[in-house]
């Protein structure tokens, strides 16, 4: 199961959209992905990240967040799949949920990652006791 390509319907892109200002994709009709691994190289681009927090400490997640903000100010775009309550807390980011069979925007405080982290921090002992009881 791979994404085999993408296409852009330029008729659906507004005349003042920033997409029309990106030299690399201006006029691009479609792009094919022929292998399971595809690298994009070059300047201020688009970054697709799948759970970048997996190997990062909380401090390094904050460093990543700052770098993403810096790059986005230079017209880079990020599409990120994450469960990190730190990264999800990034200012001015949109959070889309795939829950309930639809893709829909949600607020930071509505994410499962936030809710679980908040429960743990508010009452760690009770949270762990309940978790351990369920295992017994």
C-alpha atoms as a PDB file:
ATOM      1  CA  UNK A   1       0.000   0.000   0.000  1.00  0.00           C
ATOM      2  CA  UNK A   2       1.875   3.030  -1.282  1.00  0.00           C
ATOM      3  CA  UNK A   3       1.002   6.495  -2.400  1.00  0.00           C
ATOM      4  CA  UNK A   4       1.732   6.174  -6.103  1.00  0.00           C
ATOM      5  CA  UNK A   5       1.632   9.853  -6.923  1.00  0.00           C
ATOM      6  CA  UNK A   6      -0.131  13.126  -6.566  1.00  0.00           C
ATOM      7  CA  UNK A   7      -1.808  15.535  -8.893  1.00  0.00           C
ATOM      8  CA  UNK A   8      -2.691  19.190  -8.672  1.00  0.00           C
ATOM      9  CA  UNK A   9      -5.917  20.518 -10.106  1.00  0.00           C
ATOM     10  CA  UNK A  10      -4.762  24.052 -10.854  1.00  0.00           C
ATOM     11  CA  UNK A  11      -8.343  25.070 -11.663  1.00  0.00           C
ATOM     12  CA  UNK A  12      -9.170  24.506  -7.991  1.00  0.00           C
ATOM     13  CA  UNK A  13      -6.189  26.561  -6.746  1.00  0.00           C
ATOM     14  CA  UNK A  14      -7.024  30.226  -6.253  1.00  0.00           C
ATOM     15  CA  UNK A  15      -5.117  32.773  -8.316  1.00  0.00           C
ATOM     16  CA  UNK A  16      -3.506  34.282  -5.205  1.00  0.00           C
ATOM     17  CA  UNK A  17      -2.530  30.951  -3.597  1.00  0.00           C
ATOM     18  CA  UNK A  18       1.062  30.626  -2.395  1.00  0.00           C
ATOM     19  CA  UNK A  19       1.243  27.343  -4.329  1.00  0.00           C
ATOM     20  CA  UNK A  20       1.457  29.333  -7.537  1.00  0.00           C
ATOM     21  CA  UNK A  21       4.547  31.102  -6.171  1.00  0.00           C
ATOM     22  CA  UNK A  22       6.600  27.937  -5.611  1.00  0.00           C
ATOM     23  CA  UNK A  23       8.881  27.611  -8.637  1.00  0.00           C
ATOM     24  CA  UNK A  24       9.386  23.862  -8.219  1.00  0.00           C
ATOM     25  CA  UNK A  25       5.685  23.030  -8.527  1.00  0.00           C
ATOM     26  CA  UNK A  26       4.389  25.884 -10.654  1.00  0.00           C
ATOM     27  CA  UNK A  27       2.686  24.223 -13.582  1.00  0.00           C
ATOM     28  CA  UNK A  28       3.219  20.697 -12.213  1.00  0.00           C
ATOM     29  CA  UNK A  29       0.258  18.527 -13.173  1.00  0.00           C
ATOM     30  CA  UNK A  30       1.267  15.277 -11.488  1.00  0.00           C
ATOM     31  CA  UNK A  31       4.185  13.636  -9.737  1.00  0.00           C
ATOM     32  CA  UNK A  32       4.708   9.877  -9.672  1.00  0.00           C
ATOM     33  CA  UNK A  33       6.346   7.925  -6.848  1.00  0.00           C
ATOM     34  CA  UNK A  34       7.913   4.818  -8.335  1.00  0.00           C
ATOM     35  CA  UNK A  35       9.723   3.410  -5.315  1.00  0.00           C
ATOM     36  CA  UNK A  36       8.797   2.873  -1.655  1.00  0.00           C
ATOM     37  CA  UNK A  37      11.368   5.495  -0.598  1.00  0.00           C
ATOM     38  CA  UNK A  38      11.427   8.936  -2.188  1.00  0.00           C
ATOM     39  CA  UNK A  39      13.698  11.782  -1.154  1.00  0.00           C
ATOM     40  CA  UNK A  40      13.043  15.442  -1.837  1.00  0.00           C
ATOM     41  CA  UNK A  41      16.131  17.630  -1.768  1.00  0.00           C
ATOM     42  CA  UNK A  42      16.664  21.370  -2.305  1.00  0.00           C
ATOM     43  CA  UNK A  43      15.748  24.546  -0.475  1.00  0.00           C
ATOM     44  CA  UNK A  44      12.637  25.644   1.461  1.00  0.00           C
ATOM     45  CA  UNK A  45      10.420  22.720   0.695  1.00  0.00           C
ATOM     46  CA  UNK A  46       7.647  20.589   2.005  1.00  0.00           C
ATOM     47  CA  UNK A  47       8.435  18.175   4.814  1.00  0.00           C
ATOM     48  CA  UNK A  48       6.420  15.054   5.556  1.00  0.00           C
ATOM     49  CA  UNK A  49       7.279  13.737   9.032  1.00  0.00           C
ATOM     50  CA  UNK A  50       5.909  10.565  10.582  1.00  0.00           C
ATOM     51  CA  UNK A  51       6.205  10.659  14.373  1.00  0.00           C
ATOM     52  CA  UNK A  52       9.484  12.610  14.480  1.00  0.00           C
ATOM     53  CA  UNK A  53       9.295  12.623  18.282  1.00  0.00           C
ATOM     54  CA  UNK A  54       9.906   8.874  18.530  1.00  0.00           C
ATOM     55  CA  UNK A  55      13.613   9.193  19.374  1.00  0.00           C
ATOM     56  CA  UNK A  56      13.544  12.687  20.855  1.00  0.00           C
ATOM     57  CA  UNK A  57      13.592  13.804  24.479  1.00  0.00           C
ATOM     58  CA  UNK A  58      11.109  16.519  25.470  1.00  0.00           C
ATOM     59  CA  UNK A  59      13.895  19.107  25.197  1.00  0.00           C
ATOM     60  CA  UNK A  60      14.764  17.938  21.667  1.00  0.00           C
ATOM     61  CA  UNK A  61      11.072  18.018  20.711  1.00  0.00           C
ATOM     62  CA  UNK A  62      11.050  21.685  21.690  1.00  0.00           C
ATOM     63  CA  UNK A  63      14.176  22.228  19.590  1.00  0.00           C
ATOM     64  CA  UNK A  64      12.450  20.535  16.647  1.00  0.00           C
ATOM     65  CA  UNK A  65       9.406  22.737  17.180  1.00  0.00           C
ATOM     66  CA  UNK A  66      11.533  25.887  17.083  1.00  0.00           C
ATOM     67  CA  UNK A  67      13.253  24.716  13.895  1.00  0.00           C
ATOM     68  CA  UNK A  68       9.910  23.943  12.260  1.00  0.00           C
ATOM     69  CA  UNK A  69       8.638  27.408  13.176  1.00  0.00           C
ATOM     70  CA  UNK A  70      11.808  29.004  11.788  1.00  0.00           C
ATOM     71  CA  UNK A  71      11.527  27.056   8.527  1.00  0.00           C
ATOM     72  CA  UNK A  72       7.813  27.820   8.159  1.00  0.00           C
ATOM     73  CA  UNK A  73       8.623  31.531   8.424  1.00  0.00           C
ATOM     74  CA  UNK A  74      10.880  30.970   5.401  1.00  0.00           C
ATOM     75  CA  UNK A  75       7.939  29.457   3.464  1.00  0.00           C
ATOM     76  CA  UNK A  76       8.528  25.783   4.213  1.00  0.00           C
ATOM     77  CA  UNK A  77       5.488  23.586   4.794  1.00  0.00           C
ATOM     78  CA  UNK A  78       5.250  20.680   7.233  1.00  0.00           C
ATOM     79  CA  UNK A  79       2.787  17.812   7.283  1.00  0.00           C
ATOM     80  CA  UNK A  80       3.396  15.873  10.488  1.00  0.00           C
ATOM     81  CA  UNK A  81       1.879  12.735  11.969  1.00  0.00           C
ATOM     82  CA  UNK A  82       2.496  12.830  15.719  1.00  0.00           C
ATOM     83  CA  UNK A  83       1.195  11.790  19.101  1.00  0.00           C
ATOM     84  CA  UNK A  84       3.478  14.204  20.936  1.00  0.00           C
ATOM     85  CA  UNK A  85       1.554  16.588  23.187  1.00  0.00           C
ATOM     86  CA  UNK A  86       4.579  18.886  22.898  1.00  0.00           C
ATOM     87  CA  UNK A  87       4.581  19.089  19.100  1.00  0.00           C
ATOM     88  CA  UNK A  88       0.789  19.226  18.963  1.00  0.00           C
ATOM     89  CA  UNK A  89       0.998  22.358  21.116  1.00  0.00           C
ATOM     90  CA  UNK A  90       2.779  24.300  18.368  1.00  0.00           C
ATOM     91  CA  UNK A  91       1.266  27.762  17.966  1.00  0.00           C
ATOM     92  CA  UNK A  92      -0.685  28.534  14.795  1.00  0.00           C
ATOM     93  CA  UNK A  93      -0.773  24.896  13.668  1.00  0.00           C
ATOM     94  CA  UNK A  94      -3.895  23.109  12.533  1.00  0.00           C
ATOM     95  CA  UNK A  95      -4.646  19.720  14.077  1.00  0.00           C
ATOM     96  CA  UNK A  96      -6.653  17.300  11.958  1.00  0.00           C
ATOM     97  CA  UNK A  97      -8.085  14.161  13.536  1.00  0.00           C
ATOM     98  CA  UNK A  98      -8.783  10.910  11.697  1.00  0.00           C
ATOM     99  CA  UNK A  99     -11.016   9.625  14.514  1.00  0.00           C
ATOM    100  CA  UNK A 100     -14.661   8.706  13.975  1.00  0.00           C
ATOM    101  CA  UNK A 101     -14.124   7.836  10.316  1.00  0.00           C
ATOM    102  CA  UNK A 102     -13.690  11.404   9.115  1.00  0.00           C
ATOM    103  CA  UNK A 103     -10.881  13.925   8.859  1.00  0.00           C
ATOM    104  CA  UNK A 104     -11.847  16.944  10.921  1.00  0.00           C
ATOM    105  CA  UNK A 105     -10.114  19.800  12.760  1.00  0.00           C
ATOM    106  CA  UNK A 106      -9.883  19.605  16.545  1.00  0.00           C
ATOM    107  CA  UNK A 107      -8.459  21.776  19.276  1.00  0.00           C
ATOM    108  CA  UNK A 108      -5.231  20.897  21.062  1.00  0.00           C
ATOM    109  CA  UNK A 109      -7.036  20.126  24.322  1.00  0.00           C
ATOM    110  CA  UNK A 110      -9.327  17.662  22.482  1.00  0.00           C
ATOM    111  CA  UNK A 111      -6.467  15.381  21.359  1.00  0.00           C
ATOM    112  CA  UNK A 112      -6.054  12.022  23.072  1.00  0.00           C
ATOM    113  CA  UNK A 113      -2.359  12.778  23.550  1.00  0.00           C
ATOM    114  CA  UNK A 114      -3.176  15.903  25.527  1.00  0.00           C
ATOM    115  CA  UNK A 115      -5.935  14.249  27.568  1.00  0.00           C
ATOM    116  CA  UNK A 116      -3.807  11.261  28.610  1.00  0.00           C
ATOM    117  CA  UNK A 117      -0.787  13.408  29.436  1.00  0.00           C
ATOM    118  CA  UNK A 118      -2.945  15.784  31.467  1.00  0.00           C
ATOM    119  CA  UNK A 119      -4.512  12.897  33.443  1.00  0.00           C
ATOM    120  CA  UNK A 120      -1.074  11.448  34.157  1.00  0.00           C
ATOM    121  CA  UNK A 121       0.416  14.753  35.308  1.00  0.00           C
ATOM    122  CA  UNK A 122      -2.595  15.746  37.452  1.00  0.00           C
ATOM    123  CA  UNK A 123      -2.738  12.478  39.413  1.00  0.00           C
ATOM    124  CA  UNK A 124       0.112  10.157  38.492  1.00  0.00           C
ATOM    125  CA  UNK A 125      -0.385   7.739  41.423  1.00  0.00           C
ATOM    126  CA  UNK A 126      -4.094   7.235  40.796  1.00  0.00           C
ATOM    127  CA  UNK A 127      -3.514   6.935  37.033  1.00  0.00           C
ATOM    128  CA  UNK A 128      -0.829   4.264  37.539  1.00  0.00           C
ATOM    129  CA  UNK A 129      -2.863   2.397  40.170  1.00  0.00           C
ATOM    130  CA  UNK A 130      -5.825   2.168  37.807  1.00  0.00           C
ATOM    131  CA  UNK A 131      -3.573   1.099  34.944  1.00  0.00           C
ATOM    132  CA  UNK A 132      -1.872  -1.575  37.060  1.00  0.00           C
ATOM    133  CA  UNK A 133      -5.230  -2.872  38.381  1.00  0.00           C
ATOM    134  CA  UNK A 134      -6.363  -3.449  34.814  1.00  0.00           C
ATOM    135  CA  UNK A 135      -3.214  -5.527  34.202  1.00  0.00           C
ATOM    136  CA  UNK A 136      -3.770  -7.708  37.303  1.00  0.00           C
END
